Amino acid sequence: MEITEKFYAFAKYVACPYVRNLDAVKPYVYSVSIILVGSVATGICTPDSDVDICILCPKKVYNEIFPKIEWNNGKYMELTISGINTRYYLESIEDVCEGLTKLDDLTFYLYNYSQPLDDVSGAHKNLKKFISEQQIVAKRKKYVHNSMLKRRRALTKYLDSYMDPFGRVIVAHDTIRTLLRAIAAYDNIPFDPKKHPYITALAGQTGEFLKPCMDDLMNCLSKITDVKDVEARKQFIALVDNCITAIT
């Protein structure tokens, strides 16, 4: 059995019932939906991946459940079930929709590619309907593309004016990150901005084509700190322009 199938079966038939039967959740079982998010939902998991479970519910129900769970890591609960690292958390539909409306990368990654495990409340179905009706995918793609072009317009000025080595690295790092999210959006594939930005962004056809260019950009990071290294600056900008040309 493939690792993704194994983890999905575990999430569906072990983790989901476990979460549904939590003392804090059980009284609201018909008002919540249990959904799978993260690397298992997108199929990019490894044998060491965690299984991430979201308890999705209206804000009113969220306010009832949240204080009744002794979260051991902020708003998350981390534990091991049947030898598999499992993490579950509570989220309101209203907050998710707000994050999607703001085109937040992590919110989009988690919920656009989420999978229902138990959608008795219909919350997950309504969430997918919201994403479709609000055209979130198309809006985010346009937003990411415009962000990439905006970053490029400012890049030369930043590198010419920032004398601080770390400041130059920050600019270069932000530029690479912007390119990665643009590549993923162009290929219409999941982009994990938190744990796996490089791996997820380059998983598509365009990403595979641009991988050598992105590797060269990352190799330039240490050189870009030297203000006197004009060739490194020129090389970095040329590589960025090559990527943008391929994406657009």
Protein backbone atom coordinates (compact mmCIF):
# COMPACT_ATOMS: atom_id res chain seq x y z
CA MET A 1 0.00 0.00 0.00
CA GLU A 2 1.32 3.45 -0.92
CA ILE A 3 2.19 5.69 2.02
CA THR A 4 -0.51 8.23 1.06
CA GLU A 5 -3.17 5.51 0.94
CA LYS A 6 -1.97 4.12 4.24
CA PHE A 7 -2.13 7.50 5.96
CA TYR A 8 -5.52 8.31 4.43
CA ALA A 9 -6.97 4.99 5.65
CA PHE A 10 -5.56 5.72 9.11
CA ALA A 11 -7.06 9.22 9.06
CA LYS A 12 -10.46 7.97 7.92
CA TYR A 13 -10.87 4.91 10.10
CA VAL A 14 -8.71 5.61 13.16
CA ALA A 15 -7.94 9.31 13.68
CA CYS A 16 -11.34 10.61 12.61
CA PRO A 17 -13.35 8.40 15.02
CA TYR A 18 -10.87 9.27 17.77
CA VAL A 19 -11.44 13.01 17.27
CA ARG A 20 -15.22 12.61 16.97
CA ASN A 21 -15.29 10.81 20.31
CA LEU A 22 -13.36 13.44 22.24
CA ASP A 23 -15.39 14.54 25.26
CA ALA A 24 -15.27 18.14 24.07
CA VAL A 25 -16.39 17.27 20.52
CA LYS A 26 -18.95 14.52 21.06
CA PRO A 27 -21.85 16.81 22.09
CA TYR A 28 -21.37 18.78 18.85
CA VAL A 29 -20.74 15.86 16.51
CA TYR A 30 -23.50 16.91 14.10
CA SER A 31 -22.26 20.50 13.99
CA VAL A 32 -18.65 19.80 13.01
CA SER A 33 -16.88 18.29 10.05
CA ILE A 34 -13.62 16.35 10.34
CA ILE A 35 -11.30 17.05 7.42
CA LEU A 36 -7.82 15.99 6.37
CA VAL A 37 -5.33 18.75 5.55
CA GLY A 38 -1.62 19.13 4.88
CA SER A 39 0.84 16.78 3.19
CA VAL A 40 -1.35 13.66 3.38
CA ALA A 41 -4.32 15.48 1.81
CA THR A 42 -2.11 16.74 -1.03
CA GLY A 43 -0.25 13.45 -1.50
CA ILE A 44 3.24 14.82 -0.81
CA CYS A 45 3.67 12.96 2.47
CA THR A 46 6.61 10.78 3.45
CA PRO A 47 6.76 7.92 5.99
CA ASP A 48 7.78 10.53 8.60
CA SER A 49 4.86 12.89 7.93
CA ASP A 50 2.25 13.83 10.50
CA VAL A 51 -1.43 13.24 9.83
CA ASP A 52 -3.14 16.63 10.20
CA ILE A 53 -6.82 16.69 11.12
CA CYS A 54 -8.98 19.82 11.25
CA ILE A 55 -12.24 20.01 13.20
CA LEU A 56 -14.19 22.52 11.10
CA CYS A 57 -17.25 24.20 12.57
CA PRO A 58 -19.18 27.49 12.82
CA LYS A 59 -17.68 30.16 15.09
CA LYS A 60 -20.42 29.66 17.68
CA VAL A 61 -19.56 25.97 18.03
CA TYR A 62 -15.83 26.79 17.98
CA ASN A 63 -16.30 29.04 21.00
CA GLU A 64 -18.02 26.20 22.84
CA ILE A 65 -15.46 23.49 22.07
CA PHE A 66 -12.14 25.34 22.23
CA PRO A 67 -12.03 26.01 26.02
CA LYS A 68 -12.87 22.36 26.75
CA ILE A 69 -9.69 20.97 25.17
CA GLU A 70 -6.34 21.31 26.94
CA TRP A 71 -4.26 22.11 23.87
CA ASN A 72 -0.67 20.98 24.33
CA ASN A 73 0.84 23.17 21.60
CA GLY A 74 -0.97 26.46 21.27
CA LYS A 75 -4.13 25.64 19.34
CA TYR A 76 -2.93 22.19 18.27
CA MET A 77 -3.00 18.83 19.95
CA GLU A 78 -0.11 16.53 19.07
CA LEU A 79 -0.14 12.86 19.97
CA THR A 80 0.67 9.41 18.64
CA ILE A 81 -2.18 7.10 17.65
CA SER A 82 -1.35 3.52 16.63
CA GLY A 83 2.27 4.57 16.19
CA ILE A 84 1.47 7.40 13.77
CA ASN A 85 2.14 11.04 14.64
CA THR A 86 -1.20 12.80 14.60
CA ARG A 87 -2.09 16.45 15.00
CA TYR A 88 -5.59 17.83 15.28
CA TYR A 89 -6.90 21.33 15.77
CA LEU A 90 -10.14 23.31 15.78
CA GLU A 91 -10.99 25.98 13.20
CA SER A 92 -14.07 28.03 12.45
CA ILE A 93 -15.54 28.28 8.96
CA GLU A 94 -15.70 32.05 9.29
CA ASP A 95 -11.95 32.36 10.00
CA VAL A 96 -11.08 30.02 7.15
CA CYS A 97 -13.21 31.99 4.69
CA GLU A 98 -11.60 35.22 5.88
CA GLY A 99 -8.13 33.79 5.28
CA LEU A 100 -9.16 32.59 1.83
CA THR A 101 -10.61 36.00 0.98
CA LYS A 102 -7.26 37.55 1.93
CA LEU A 103 -5.59 34.98 -0.37
CA ASP A 104 -3.36 33.78 2.45
CA ASP A 105 -0.92 31.13 1.20
CA LEU A 106 -1.17 28.75 4.15
CA THR A 107 -4.97 28.96 4.35
CA PHE A 108 -5.22 28.27 0.62
CA TYR A 109 -2.85 25.30 0.88
CA LEU A 110 -4.68 23.76 3.81
CA TYR A 111 -8.27 24.18 2.71
CA ASN A 112 -8.31 24.27 -1.07
CA TYR A 113 -6.75 20.80 -1.08
CA SER A 114 -8.46 19.46 2.05
CA GLN A 115 -10.35 16.17 1.99
CA PRO A 116 -13.49 15.35 4.01
CA LEU A 117 -13.29 12.47 6.47
CA ASP A 118 -16.70 13.03 8.07
CA ASP A 119 -18.78 15.88 6.63
CA VAL A 120 -22.02 15.19 8.45
CA SER A 121 -22.47 18.93 9.14
CA GLY A 122 -21.84 19.89 5.51
CA ALA A 123 -19.17 22.41 6.58
CA HIS A 124 -16.58 21.06 4.16
CA LYS A 125 -19.06 21.04 1.29
CA ASN A 126 -19.99 24.65 2.04
CA LEU A 127 -16.31 25.59 2.22
CA LYS A 128 -15.65 24.14 -1.23
CA LYS A 129 -18.73 25.96 -2.50
CA PHE A 130 -17.37 29.23 -1.10
CA ILE A 131 -14.00 28.67 -2.83
CA SER A 132 -15.78 28.01 -6.12
CA GLU A 133 -18.30 30.85 -5.94
CA GLN A 134 -15.70 33.40 -4.84
CA GLN A 135 -13.30 32.21 -7.56
CA ILE A 136 -10.53 32.03 -4.98
CA VAL A 137 -8.20 29.96 -7.19
CA ALA A 138 -8.30 32.45 -10.07
CA LYS A 139 -8.03 35.46 -7.76
CA ARG A 140 -5.04 34.01 -5.94
CA LYS A 141 -3.29 33.11 -9.19
CA LYS A 142 -3.64 36.70 -10.40
CA TYR A 143 -2.55 38.05 -7.02
CA VAL A 144 0.55 35.84 -6.90
CA HIS A 145 1.47 36.76 -10.48
CA ASN A 146 1.16 40.49 -9.75
CA SER A 147 3.19 40.08 -6.55
CA MET A 148 5.98 38.47 -8.54
CA LEU A 149 6.08 41.34 -11.05
CA LYS A 150 5.95 43.92 -8.24
CA ARG A 151 8.85 42.24 -6.49
CA ARG A 152 10.85 42.24 -9.70
CA ARG A 153 10.27 45.95 -10.29
CA ALA A 154 11.70 46.72 -6.87
CA LEU A 155 14.54 44.17 -6.94
CA THR A 156 17.18 46.24 -8.74
CA LYS A 157 16.54 49.26 -6.54
CA TYR A 158 16.75 47.16 -3.37
CA LEU A 159 20.02 45.50 -4.35
CA ASP A 160 21.54 48.84 -5.35
CA SER A 161 20.54 50.61 -2.12
CA TYR A 162 20.79 47.91 0.57
CA MET A 163 24.35 47.90 1.89
CA ASP A 164 23.65 45.61 4.83
CA PRO A 165 24.54 41.97 3.92
CA PHE A 166 21.59 40.48 5.78
CA GLY A 167 19.20 43.00 4.26
CA ARG A 168 20.36 41.91 0.81
CA VAL A 169 19.78 38.25 1.72
CA ILE A 170 16.26 39.05 2.91
CA VAL A 171 15.47 40.73 -0.42
CA ALA A 172 16.93 37.82 -2.38
CA HIS A 173 15.14 35.26 -0.19
CA ASP A 174 11.78 37.03 -0.58
CA THR A 175 12.29 37.15 -4.34
CA ILE A 176 12.95 33.41 -4.54
CA ARG A 177 9.92 32.68 -2.36
CA THR A 178 7.75 34.87 -4.59
CA LEU A 179 8.95 32.98 -7.66
CA LEU A 180 8.22 29.62 -6.03
CA ARG A 181 4.62 30.52 -5.22
CA ALA A 182 4.16 31.90 -8.75
CA ILE A 183 5.47 28.67 -10.29
CA ALA A 184 3.09 26.59 -8.17
CA ALA A 185 0.15 28.86 -9.04
CA TYR A 186 0.98 28.64 -12.75
CA ASP A 187 1.11 24.82 -12.57
CA ASN A 188 -2.03 24.81 -10.38
CA ILE A 189 -0.48 22.54 -7.76
CA PRO A 190 -0.42 22.65 -3.93
CA PHE A 191 2.13 25.09 -2.49
CA ASP A 192 3.11 24.60 1.14
CA PRO A 193 4.59 27.96 2.21
CA LYS A 194 5.61 26.74 5.65
CA LYS A 195 7.36 23.36 5.53
CA HIS A 196 7.94 22.43 1.90
CA PRO A 197 7.96 25.53 -0.34
CA TYR A 198 10.72 24.28 -2.65
CA ILE A 199 9.49 20.70 -2.99
CA THR A 200 5.84 21.61 -3.55
CA ALA A 201 6.44 24.56 -5.90
CA LEU A 202 8.66 22.59 -8.26
CA ALA A 203 6.51 19.46 -8.42
CA GLY A 204 4.73 20.49 -11.64
CA GLN A 205 5.85 20.69 -15.26
CA THR A 206 6.98 24.32 -15.13
CA GLY A 207 8.64 23.72 -11.77
CA GLU A 208 10.60 20.79 -13.15
CA PHE A 209 11.74 22.93 -16.08
CA LEU A 210 12.80 25.80 -13.80
CA LYS A 211 14.44 23.71 -11.07
CA PRO A 212 18.02 24.30 -12.37
CA CYS A 213 17.36 28.03 -12.47
CA MET A 214 15.94 28.03 -8.93
CA ASP A 215 18.94 26.04 -7.71
CA ASP A 216 21.26 28.61 -9.24
CA LEU A 217 19.32 31.40 -7.54
CA MET A 218 19.72 29.73 -4.14
CA ASN A 219 23.43 29.25 -4.80
CA CYS A 220 23.64 33.01 -5.37
CA LEU A 221 22.30 33.83 -1.91
CA SER A 222 25.69 33.83 -0.21
CA LYS A 223 27.32 35.83 -3.01
CA ILE A 224 24.59 38.47 -3.05
CA THR A 225 25.65 39.61 0.43
CA ASP A 226 28.79 41.20 -1.03
CA VAL A 227 27.92 44.68 -2.28
CA LYS A 228 31.13 44.77 -4.32
CA ASP A 229 30.30 41.55 -6.19
CA VAL A 230 28.62 43.19 -9.18
CA GLU A 231 28.66 39.99 -11.22
CA ALA A 232 26.70 38.12 -8.55
CA ARG A 233 24.09 40.88 -8.58
CA LYS A 234 23.81 40.73 -12.37
CA GLN A 235 23.60 36.96 -12.35
CA PHE A 236 20.87 36.94 -9.71
CA ILE A 237 18.74 39.48 -11.60
CA ALA A 238 19.25 37.63 -14.90
CA LEU A 239 18.13 34.35 -13.31
CA VAL A 240 15.05 36.03 -11.84
CA ASP A 241 14.17 37.44 -15.26
CA ASN A 242 14.60 34.01 -16.87
CA CYS A 243 12.17 32.51 -14.38
CA ILE A 244 9.61 35.26 -14.89
CA THR A 245 9.81 34.86 -18.66
CA ALA A 246 9.17 31.12 -18.37
CA ILE A 247 6.26 31.61 -15.97
CA THR A 248 4.55 34.34 -17.99
